[in-house]
Protein backbone atom coordinates (compact mmCIF):
# COMPACT_ATOMS: atom_id res chain seq x y z
CA MET A 1 -13.25 -26.12 -9.98
CA LYS A 2 -13.28 -23.48 -7.16
CA ILE A 3 -11.97 -19.92 -7.41
CA GLU A 4 -11.86 -17.65 -4.36
CA GLN A 5 -10.54 -14.13 -4.32
CA ILE A 6 -9.14 -13.24 -0.94
CA TYR A 7 -9.16 -9.47 -0.87
CA THR A 8 -7.34 -7.29 1.65
CA GLY A 9 -8.72 -3.82 1.71
CA CYS A 10 -5.91 -1.96 3.50
CA LEU A 11 -3.55 -3.03 0.59
CA ALA A 12 -6.30 -3.10 -2.09
CA GLN A 13 -4.77 -6.51 -2.87
CA GLY A 14 -6.30 -9.66 -4.24
CA ALA A 15 -4.84 -13.15 -3.62
CA TYR A 16 -6.43 -16.22 -5.28
CA TYR A 17 -7.26 -19.75 -4.11
CA ILE A 18 -7.84 -22.13 -7.07
CA GLU A 19 -8.89 -25.74 -6.45
CA SER A 20 -9.56 -28.67 -8.72
CA ASN A 21 -9.93 -32.33 -7.82
CA GLY A 22 -8.11 -32.02 -4.51
CA GLU A 23 -5.22 -29.79 -5.81
CA VAL A 24 -4.79 -26.19 -5.03
CA ALA A 25 -2.79 -23.23 -6.48
CA ILE A 26 -2.44 -20.05 -4.63
CA ILE A 27 -1.66 -16.82 -6.54
CA ASP A 28 0.08 -13.88 -4.94
CA PRO A 29 -0.45 -14.91 -1.25
CA LEU A 30 -0.26 -12.41 1.58
CA ARG A 31 2.51 -12.52 4.29
CA GLU A 32 0.26 -14.38 6.77
CA THR A 33 -0.23 -17.80 5.04
CA GLN A 34 -2.03 -19.98 7.71
CA GLN A 35 -5.37 -18.89 6.21
CA TYR A 36 -4.54 -20.74 2.84
CA VAL A 37 -3.31 -23.83 4.75
CA ASP A 38 -6.46 -23.91 6.88
CA LYS A 39 -8.70 -23.48 3.85
CA ALA A 40 -6.97 -26.30 1.95
CA ASN A 41 -7.19 -28.56 4.95
CA LYS A 42 -10.83 -27.91 5.40
CA GLU A 43 -11.42 -28.85 1.77
CA GLN A 44 -9.14 -31.92 2.18
CA ALA A 45 -7.02 -30.61 -0.64
CA THR A 46 -3.26 -30.17 -1.14
CA ILE A 47 -1.55 -26.93 -2.06
CA LYS A 48 0.53 -27.90 -5.14
CA TYR A 49 1.63 -24.59 -6.61
CA ILE A 50 2.32 -20.92 -5.44
CA PHE A 51 2.20 -18.65 -8.51
CA GLU A 52 3.71 -15.17 -8.28
CA THR A 53 2.74 -12.73 -10.98
CA HIS A 54 5.91 -10.68 -10.34
CA PHE A 55 8.08 -9.37 -7.59
CA HIS A 56 5.54 -7.28 -5.76
CA ALA A 57 6.63 -3.84 -4.62
CA ASP A 58 3.72 -2.75 -2.49
CA PHE A 59 3.61 -5.71 -0.06
CA VAL A 60 5.74 -8.67 1.10
CA SER A 61 4.29 -11.81 -0.36
CA GLY A 62 3.81 -15.11 1.61
CA HIS A 63 5.30 -17.42 -1.03
CA LEU A 64 8.31 -18.41 1.10
CA ASP A 65 6.46 -19.28 4.25
CA LEU A 66 3.70 -21.02 2.34
CA ALA A 67 6.20 -23.19 0.46
CA LYS A 68 7.97 -24.17 3.68
CA LYS A 69 4.62 -25.17 5.32
CA THR A 70 3.22 -27.17 2.39
CA GLY A 71 6.11 -28.19 0.11
CA ALA A 72 4.39 -26.47 -2.79
CA THR A 73 6.44 -25.17 -5.70
CA ILE A 74 7.01 -21.43 -6.03
CA ILE A 75 6.62 -20.40 -9.68
CA PHE A 76 7.65 -17.16 -11.25
CA GLY A 77 7.53 -16.03 -14.95
CA PRO A 78 10.46 -16.01 -17.39
CA GLY A 79 13.46 -13.99 -16.40
CA ALA A 80 12.96 -14.05 -12.62
CA GLU A 81 15.92 -14.70 -10.41
CA THR A 82 15.39 -15.49 -6.79
CA GLY A 83 17.55 -16.02 -3.69
CA TYR A 84 15.71 -19.21 -2.78
CA GLU A 85 14.45 -22.32 -4.48
CA SER A 86 11.84 -21.56 -7.09
CA TYR A 87 10.75 -22.77 -10.50
CA ILE A 88 11.16 -20.26 -13.36
CA ALA A 89 8.53 -20.99 -15.98
CA LYS A 90 8.79 -20.67 -19.77
CA ASP A 91 6.45 -18.56 -21.79
CA ASN A 92 3.28 -20.58 -22.62
CA GLU A 93 4.30 -23.46 -20.22
CA VAL A 94 1.22 -25.26 -18.88
CA PHE A 95 0.82 -26.60 -15.35
CA LYS A 96 -1.78 -29.25 -14.53
CA LEU A 97 -3.96 -28.65 -11.53
CA GLY A 98 -6.41 -31.40 -10.88
CA ASN A 99 -8.74 -31.28 -13.92
CA VAL A 100 -7.79 -27.78 -15.05
CA SER A 101 -4.63 -26.18 -16.39
CA ILE A 102 -2.73 -22.93 -15.78
CA LYS A 103 -0.89 -21.45 -18.71
CA VAL A 104 1.96 -18.94 -18.23
CA LEU A 105 1.69 -15.83 -20.39
CA HIS A 106 4.83 -13.78 -20.11
CA THR A 107 3.61 -10.13 -20.11
CA PRO A 108 6.57 -7.88 -19.31
CA GLY A 109 6.10 -4.18 -18.81
CA HIS A 110 5.06 -3.52 -15.24
CA THR A 111 8.29 -5.41 -14.45
CA LEU A 112 10.40 -7.60 -16.63
CA GLU A 113 9.31 -10.93 -15.14
CA SER A 114 5.61 -9.94 -14.94
CA SER A 115 3.36 -12.83 -16.06
CA THR A 116 -0.38 -13.38 -16.44
CA TYR A 117 -1.79 -16.81 -15.62
CA LEU A 118 -4.41 -18.16 -17.88
CA LEU A 119 -6.85 -20.66 -16.30
CA ILE A 120 -8.08 -23.32 -18.72
CA ASP A 121 -11.14 -25.23 -17.40
CA GLU A 122 -12.04 -28.86 -17.49
CA HIS A 123 -13.34 -28.59 -21.05
CA GLY A 124 -10.24 -26.98 -22.42
CA LYS A 125 -11.83 -23.52 -22.57
CA ASP A 126 -9.95 -20.31 -21.60
CA TYR A 127 -11.83 -19.37 -18.40
CA ALA A 128 -9.97 -16.58 -16.53
CA ILE A 129 -6.76 -14.64 -16.32
CA PHE A 130 -4.93 -13.73 -13.10
CA SER A 131 -3.34 -10.61 -14.51
CA GLY A 132 -1.28 -9.41 -11.53
CA ASP A 133 -0.25 -5.80 -12.17
CA THR A 134 -0.24 -6.19 -15.98
CA LEU A 135 -3.98 -5.46 -16.32
CA PHE A 136 -6.25 -3.85 -13.78
CA LEU A 137 -9.88 -3.03 -14.14
CA GLY A 138 -9.74 0.49 -15.61
CA ASP A 139 -5.99 0.73 -15.81
CA VAL A 140 -2.71 -1.13 -16.34
CA GLY A 141 0.35 -1.35 -14.07
CA ARG A 142 2.84 1.43 -13.80
CA PRO A 143 5.91 0.72 -15.78
CA ASP A 144 8.53 2.22 -13.47
CA LEU A 145 9.15 -0.41 -10.84
CA ALA A 146 11.58 -2.91 -12.34
CA ILE A 147 14.42 -3.86 -9.94
CA LYS A 148 17.86 -2.79 -11.05
CA SER A 149 16.96 -2.52 -14.64
CA ASN A 150 18.84 -0.54 -17.30
CA LEU A 151 15.63 -0.01 -19.12
CA THR A 152 13.73 3.25 -18.88
CA LYS A 153 10.08 3.56 -17.85
CA GLU A 154 9.41 4.39 -21.54
CA ASP A 155 11.08 1.10 -22.54
CA LEU A 156 8.93 -0.82 -20.11
CA ALA A 157 5.74 0.99 -21.15
CA ALA A 158 6.49 0.01 -24.73
CA MET A 159 6.88 -3.65 -23.56
CA LEU A 160 3.59 -3.40 -21.72
CA TYR A 161 1.85 -2.16 -24.81
CA ASP A 162 3.13 -5.34 -26.79
CA SER A 163 2.22 -7.64 -23.91
CA LEU A 164 -1.36 -6.35 -23.71
CA ARG A 165 -1.92 -6.51 -27.41
CA ASN A 166 -0.12 -9.78 -28.19
CA LYS A 167 -1.00 -11.83 -25.11
CA ILE A 168 -4.14 -10.40 -23.41
CA MET A 169 -6.36 -8.74 -26.01
CA PRO A 170 -6.53 -11.73 -28.37
CA LEU A 171 -8.26 -13.72 -25.67
CA SER A 172 -12.03 -14.14 -25.73
CA ASP A 173 -14.23 -11.33 -24.43
CA ASP A 174 -15.92 -13.65 -21.89
CA VAL A 175 -12.60 -14.44 -20.15
CA ILE A 176 -12.80 -13.31 -16.49
CA VAL A 177 -10.21 -10.81 -15.30
CA TYR A 178 -8.83 -11.28 -11.77
CA PRO A 179 -6.26 -8.45 -11.10
CA ALA A 180 -3.89 -8.20 -8.23
CA HIS A 181 -5.22 -4.76 -7.09
CA GLY A 182 -8.18 -2.44 -6.98
CA ALA A 183 -8.76 1.18 -6.17
CA GLY A 184 -6.46 2.47 -3.50
CA SER A 185 -3.34 0.80 -4.76
CA ALA A 186 -0.36 2.92 -5.77
CA CYS A 187 0.51 0.40 -8.47
CA GLY A 188 -1.75 2.19 -10.97
CA LYS A 189 -3.41 5.58 -11.25
CA ASN A 190 -7.04 4.90 -12.33
CA LEU A 191 -8.01 1.59 -10.79
CA SER A 192 -11.68 0.65 -10.46
CA LYS A 193 -13.40 -0.08 -7.20
CA GLU A 194 -14.54 -3.42 -8.73
CA THR A 195 -12.19 -6.31 -8.15
CA VAL A 196 -13.48 -8.80 -10.82
CA GLY A 197 -14.47 -8.08 -14.40
CA VAL A 198 -14.50 -9.54 -17.91
CA LEU A 199 -12.07 -8.91 -20.65
CA GLY A 200 -14.62 -7.73 -23.20
CA GLU A 201 -15.76 -4.85 -20.86
CA GLN A 202 -12.08 -3.84 -20.38
CA LYS A 203 -11.54 -3.72 -24.12
CA LYS A 204 -14.45 -1.26 -24.33
CA SER A 205 -13.71 0.90 -21.20
CA ASN A 206 -10.12 0.67 -20.31
CA TYR A 207 -8.14 3.52 -21.91
CA ALA A 208 -5.00 1.39 -22.19
CA LEU A 209 -6.83 -1.18 -24.35
CA ARG A 210 -8.24 1.33 -26.76
CA ALA A 211 -8.52 0.11 -30.35
CA ASN A 212 -6.21 1.70 -32.90
CA MET A 213 -4.12 3.13 -30.09
CA SER A 214 -0.49 3.61 -31.20
CA LYS A 215 2.38 2.53 -29.07
CA GLU A 216 3.53 6.14 -28.82
CA GLU A 217 0.08 7.23 -27.59
CA PHE A 218 0.08 4.37 -25.08
CA VAL A 219 3.42 5.22 -23.65
CA LYS A 220 2.51 8.85 -23.20
CA GLU A 221 -0.84 8.20 -21.58
CA VAL A 222 0.37 5.38 -19.29
CA LEU A 223 3.21 7.55 -18.01
CA GLU A 224 1.20 10.75 -17.64
CA GLY A 225 0.42 11.71 -14.12
CA ILE A 226 2.31 8.93 -12.36
CA PRO A 227 3.59 10.19 -8.99
CA PRO A 228 6.91 8.90 -7.74
CA PRO A 229 6.68 5.41 -6.20
CA PRO A 230 6.61 5.34 -2.36
CA GLN A 231 10.16 4.72 -0.92
CA TYR A 232 9.31 1.31 0.38
CA PHE A 233 8.38 -0.15 -2.96
CA ALA A 234 11.86 -1.06 -4.12
CA LYS A 235 12.72 -2.46 -0.66
CA ASN A 236 9.67 -4.75 -0.65
CA ALA A 237 10.43 -5.95 -4.13
CA MET A 238 13.96 -6.91 -3.04
CA MET A 239 12.59 -8.75 -0.01
CA ASN A 240 10.27 -10.75 -2.33
CA LYS A 241 13.28 -11.46 -4.64
CA ALA A 242 15.89 -12.25 -2.02
CA GLY A 243 13.90 -13.74 0.93
CA TYR A 244 12.86 -12.64 4.43
CA ASP A 245 12.17 -13.89 7.96
CA SER A 246 9.16 -16.02 8.51
CA PHE A 247 5.98 -14.25 9.50
CA GLU A 248 5.67 -16.41 12.67
CA THR A 249 9.11 -15.25 13.81
CA VAL A 250 8.20 -11.51 13.20
CA LEU A 251 4.90 -11.94 15.01
CA LYS A 252 6.49 -13.75 17.97
CA LYS A 253 9.10 -10.98 18.35
CA GLY A 254 6.67 -8.13 17.91
CA ASN A 255 3.51 -9.18 19.78
CA ILE A 256 5.04 -8.82 23.22
CA PRO A 257 3.38 -6.86 26.04
CA LEU A 258 5.76 -4.40 27.74
CA ASP A 259 5.14 -2.59 30.99
CA VAL A 260 5.91 1.07 31.19
CA ASP A 261 9.48 0.68 32.49
CA GLU A 262 10.30 -1.94 29.85
CA PHE A 263 8.72 0.16 27.16
CA GLU A 264 10.62 3.29 28.18
CA ALA A 265 13.92 1.44 28.45
CA ILE A 266 13.71 0.04 24.90
CA ALA A 267 12.66 3.42 23.52
CA ASN A 268 15.71 5.06 25.12
CA HIS A 269 18.28 2.37 24.50
CA GLU A 270 17.25 0.75 21.20
CA GLY A 271 16.49 3.88 19.28
CA ALA A 272 12.99 2.59 18.80
CA LEU A 273 10.27 4.73 17.10
CA VAL A 274 7.04 4.95 19.20
CA LEU A 275 4.22 4.43 16.74
CA ASP A 276 0.75 5.31 17.99
CA VAL A 277 -1.98 3.59 15.95
CA ARG A 278 -5.09 4.66 17.92
CA HIS A 279 -7.74 6.92 16.42
CA GLN A 280 -6.56 10.45 15.65
CA ASN A 281 -8.97 11.96 18.17
CA GLU A 282 -7.38 9.93 20.96
CA PHE A 283 -3.86 10.86 19.88
CA VAL A 284 -4.78 14.60 19.88
CA LYS A 285 -5.91 14.35 23.58
CA ALA A 286 -2.90 12.49 24.91
CA HIS A 287 0.24 10.81 23.52
CA ILE A 288 3.79 9.91 24.43
CA PRO A 289 6.29 12.71 23.62
CA ASN A 290 7.97 12.29 20.27
CA SER A 291 5.65 9.51 19.19
CA ILE A 292 4.38 9.36 15.65
CA PHE A 293 0.71 8.85 14.79
CA ILE A 294 -0.45 6.58 11.92
CA GLY A 295 -3.88 5.23 12.78
CA ILE A 296 -4.72 1.55 12.22
CA ASP A 297 -8.18 2.43 11.02
CA GLY A 298 -6.90 4.44 8.03
CA ALA A 299 -4.64 3.56 5.13
CA PHE A 300 -2.23 2.32 7.75
CA ALA A 301 0.36 0.11 5.86
CA PRO A 302 0.78 2.35 2.81
CA TRP A 303 1.34 5.36 5.01
CA VAL A 304 3.81 3.54 7.19
CA GLY A 305 5.70 2.55 4.02
CA ALA A 306 5.68 6.03 2.66
CA LEU A 307 6.79 7.83 5.80
CA ILE A 308 9.05 5.54 7.82
CA THR A 309 12.06 5.34 5.58
CA ASP A 310 14.01 2.50 7.23
CA LEU A 311 12.55 -0.95 7.13
CA LYS A 312 14.92 -1.98 9.84
CA GLN A 313 13.69 0.75 12.16
CA PRO A 314 12.90 -0.83 15.62
CA ILE A 315 9.31 0.05 16.44
CA LEU A 316 7.31 0.18 19.72
CA LEU A 317 3.56 0.24 19.54
CA VAL A 318 0.75 2.12 21.32
CA THR A 319 -2.44 0.47 20.14
CA PRO A 320 -6.10 0.16 21.02
CA THR A 321 -6.80 -2.83 23.22
CA GLY A 322 -7.07 -5.99 21.14
CA LYS A 323 -5.34 -4.47 18.07
CA GLU A 324 -1.75 -5.47 19.03
CA LYS A 325 -1.43 -8.65 16.84
CA GLU A 326 -3.18 -6.98 13.91
CA THR A 327 -0.82 -4.03 14.06
CA VAL A 328 2.26 -6.23 14.02
CA THR A 329 0.76 -8.28 11.16
CA ARG A 330 -0.04 -5.23 9.11
CA LEU A 331 3.42 -3.76 9.57
CA SER A 332 4.98 -7.09 8.38
CA ARG A 333 2.89 -6.99 5.24
CA VAL A 334 4.93 -4.00 4.03
CA GLY A 335 8.30 -5.28 5.39
CA TYR A 336 8.49 -3.65 8.77
CA ASP A 337 9.70 -6.64 10.65
CA HIS A 338 11.40 -5.08 13.68
CA THR A 339 8.51 -4.37 16.07
CA LEU A 340 9.79 -5.00 19.58
CA GLY A 341 6.54 -4.97 21.53
CA TYR A 342 3.54 -2.87 22.60
CA LEU A 343 2.69 -0.75 25.70
CA LYS A 344 0.60 -3.04 28.05
CA GLY A 345 -2.29 -1.07 29.30
CA GLY A 346 -1.86 1.53 26.57
CA ILE A 347 -1.72 5.23 27.08
CA GLN A 348 -3.61 4.96 30.47
CA ALA A 349 -0.77 2.89 31.91
CA TRP A 350 1.65 5.59 30.87
CA LYS A 351 -0.51 8.26 32.56
CA ASP A 352 -0.86 6.08 35.72
CA ALA A 353 2.90 5.78 35.89
CA GLY A 354 3.18 9.55 36.04
CA LYS A 355 5.06 9.82 32.77
CA ASP A 356 4.97 12.95 30.62
CA ILE A 357 1.96 13.33 28.28
CA GLU A 358 1.66 15.66 25.35
CA THR A 359 -1.38 16.96 23.51
CA LEU A 360 -1.91 18.43 20.04
CA ASP A 361 -3.79 21.69 19.73
CA SER A 362 -6.93 21.04 17.63
CA ILE A 363 -9.70 23.38 16.57
CA SER A 364 -12.85 23.10 14.49
CA ALA A 365 -13.14 24.30 10.88
CA LYS A 366 -15.55 26.88 12.16
CA GLU A 367 -12.97 28.29 14.59
CA LEU A 368 -10.33 28.49 11.78
CA ALA A 369 -12.82 30.43 9.73
CA GLU A 370 -13.19 33.00 12.53
CA ARG A 371 -9.41 33.27 12.92
CA VAL A 372 -8.90 33.72 9.18
CA LYS A 373 -11.19 36.78 9.29
CA LYS A 374 -8.93 38.42 11.83
CA HIS A 375 -5.43 37.36 10.99
CA GLU A 376 -3.27 36.05 8.11
CA LEU A 377 -2.36 32.50 9.13
CA ASN A 378 0.12 29.98 7.82
CA ILE A 379 -2.05 27.10 6.68
CA LEU A 380 -0.56 23.78 5.42
CA ASP A 381 -2.82 21.75 3.24
CA VAL A 382 -1.34 18.18 3.44
CA ARG A 383 -3.55 16.61 0.76
CA LYS A 384 -2.02 15.28 -2.41
CA GLU A 385 -1.12 17.70 -5.13
CA GLY A 386 -4.04 16.61 -7.29
CA GLU A 387 -6.51 17.19 -4.49
CA PHE A 388 -5.20 20.65 -3.87
CA GLU A 389 -5.26 21.52 -7.59
CA SER A 390 -8.90 20.43 -7.74
CA THR A 391 -9.95 22.85 -4.97
CA HIS A 392 -8.37 24.55 -1.96
CA LEU A 393 -8.73 27.36 0.45
CA GLU A 394 -8.17 30.72 -1.31
CA VAL A 395 -6.66 32.81 1.40
CA ASN A 396 -3.25 34.22 1.94
CA GLY A 397 -0.79 31.93 3.65
CA VAL A 398 -2.14 28.61 2.29
CA LYS A 399 0.50 26.22 1.05
CA ASN A 400 0.16 22.66 -0.32
CA PHE A 401 2.46 20.56 1.78
CA PRO A 402 1.67 16.97 0.74
CA LEU A 403 2.09 14.37 3.50
CA ASP A 404 3.71 12.04 0.99
CA PHE A 405 6.73 14.29 0.70
CA ILE A 406 6.90 15.61 4.25
CA ASN A 407 10.32 14.09 4.96
CA ASN A 408 11.78 15.85 1.92
CA ASN A 409 10.04 19.22 2.42
CA MET A 410 10.41 19.87 6.10
CA ASN A 411 13.26 22.35 5.48
CA GLN A 412 10.83 24.55 3.52
CA ILE A 413 8.88 25.57 6.67
CA ASP A 414 10.05 27.47 9.78
CA LYS A 415 10.19 26.10 13.26
CA ASN A 416 9.64 29.66 14.59
CA LYS A 417 6.22 30.05 12.89
CA ALA A 418 2.83 28.73 13.79
CA TYR A 419 1.05 26.50 11.36
CA TYR A 420 -2.58 25.37 10.97
CA ILE A 421 -2.67 21.95 9.33
CA HIS A 422 -5.54 20.31 7.49
CA CYS A 423 -6.18 17.42 5.08
CA ALA A 424 -9.53 16.11 3.68
CA GLY A 425 -11.04 14.58 6.78
CA GLY A 426 -8.60 14.87 9.71
CA TYR A 427 -6.53 11.67 9.52
CA ARG A 428 -3.53 12.80 7.47
CA SER A 429 -3.28 16.21 9.23
CA VAL A 430 -2.61 14.46 12.58
CA ILE A 431 -0.03 12.20 10.97
CA ALA A 432 1.69 15.34 9.53
CA ALA A 433 1.45 17.19 12.85
CA SER A 434 2.87 14.25 14.81
CA ILE A 435 5.92 14.04 12.45
CA LEU A 436 6.50 17.78 12.63
CA LYS A 437 6.00 17.94 16.33
CA ALA A 438 8.63 15.07 16.76
CA ARG A 439 11.10 17.14 14.70
CA GLY A 440 10.82 20.21 16.89
CA PHE A 441 7.93 22.19 15.37
CA ASP A 442 5.91 23.15 18.45
CA GLN A 443 3.45 25.82 17.17
CA LEU A 444 1.01 23.47 15.38
CA VAL A 445 -2.79 23.42 15.29
CA ASN A 446 -4.79 20.64 13.75
CA ILE A 447 -7.99 21.35 11.96
CA GLU A 448 -10.69 18.89 12.84
CA GLY A 449 -12.69 17.44 9.95
CA GLY A 450 -10.26 18.88 7.38
CA PHE A 451 -11.34 20.30 4.03
CA ASP A 452 -14.65 18.37 4.19
CA GLU A 453 -15.64 20.76 7.00
CA LEU A 454 -13.72 23.86 5.85
CA LYS A 455 -15.55 24.07 2.52
CA ASN A 456 -18.77 24.57 4.46
CA THR A 457 -17.56 27.51 6.58
CA GLY A 458 -17.62 30.31 4.04
CA ILE A 459 -13.80 30.55 3.62
CA PRO A 460 -13.23 31.21 -0.07
CA THR A 461 -12.22 28.14 -2.08
CA SER A 462 -10.74 27.99 -5.57
CA ASN A 463 -9.40 25.50 -8.15
CA TYR A 464 -6.55 27.87 -8.88
CA VAL A 465 -3.15 26.15 -8.84
CA CYS A 466 -1.28 27.94 -6.12
CA PRO A 467 2.37 28.85 -6.96
CA THR A 468 3.51 27.99 -3.50
CA THR A 469 2.76 24.27 -3.97
CA LEU A 470 5.67 22.22 -2.59
CA LYS A 471 6.62 19.21 -4.67
């Protein structure tokens, strides 16, 4: 028996390859599926099953493409309904895989069809659970993502309580826990950086598995502090439920080099968004007018999903050399399948063609400290509300303006005013500035190094919750 966790850091997502006696099961595959086919071929094994723990909201799964390539059966838990051929398992149904077995444990709560897969080894011993978003290390899945459900998040949280206590906690302490996500995922609020654990340790340390915890206490604690889900979550879940274009089709359409004239023509006539994924320092120095920055080296896919509200939005790319295919791939992972190509030769080709270039004013934290001494400035702190509440600049004119909600809150700032923008380290502030700049705000100054640098300048900081926080 072989088990391999295939972890993707930008999504904080774990897919799983399980092999026994020449037969393979893949659990929660990523959109690009050739890696699983290649691995099985190398091991001279056959992919028999594709298990989905639930309809994922934070990424588009690869189950459809993988099934078409291999003939493997797509399996969902009880209650799932799909727009394509799949097998809907019964609670406690067992599937043979070589010399081992995989048992379906229906664990509704995160979503109604959520299921945990129990791996039983060659000796008939409970060996591991693939818990999806039902149980994480340090947390449990948020209970507010069910598709078109009449149930409230309180109803789902109560279901999750029962699932954990009736299906998961009775298992042996030495059962290995393989979750679908680790720290960085928006599917929970307190996920561990570890990606593999044992159930006994979770029973001791995970607040949601606390002994003698009442259902009422569980519901309250699980729901406390959950931010609204990113707007793309429901859309990704529907793609996973209804179906989508093949990854190869999306990549072929999007990974196309365009010269300057072709690029400009598509931008003008197709209503395409120009997405610049270079490092923020490069964007600050020179970028195409009205382009939006979301750097490929940051939390790229989640920020795209949070900020670009239309999954069908045509997109043109400005990328670092050699990052073109990766960018199209990572966009497709969160359902952005309408990339139309990339600028061949990058920003230098645009300059060489004599096209207009814009810059973003950017100053050091030290320079901001000097200006604060002399003037009252409008400062936008675009970190999350929790970061701001923990500590922020304590000077007049500071507002918390979280990047997550920038599209909703833009009407709360004035295009006739100048704004100094900072985040924690300098990535999110450039995203925010690029969006505001494209919407007609032209008096913007980015603060290099963000709060990490500002807190060392002598500007007063505080943990006081500012009443001007924008939600």
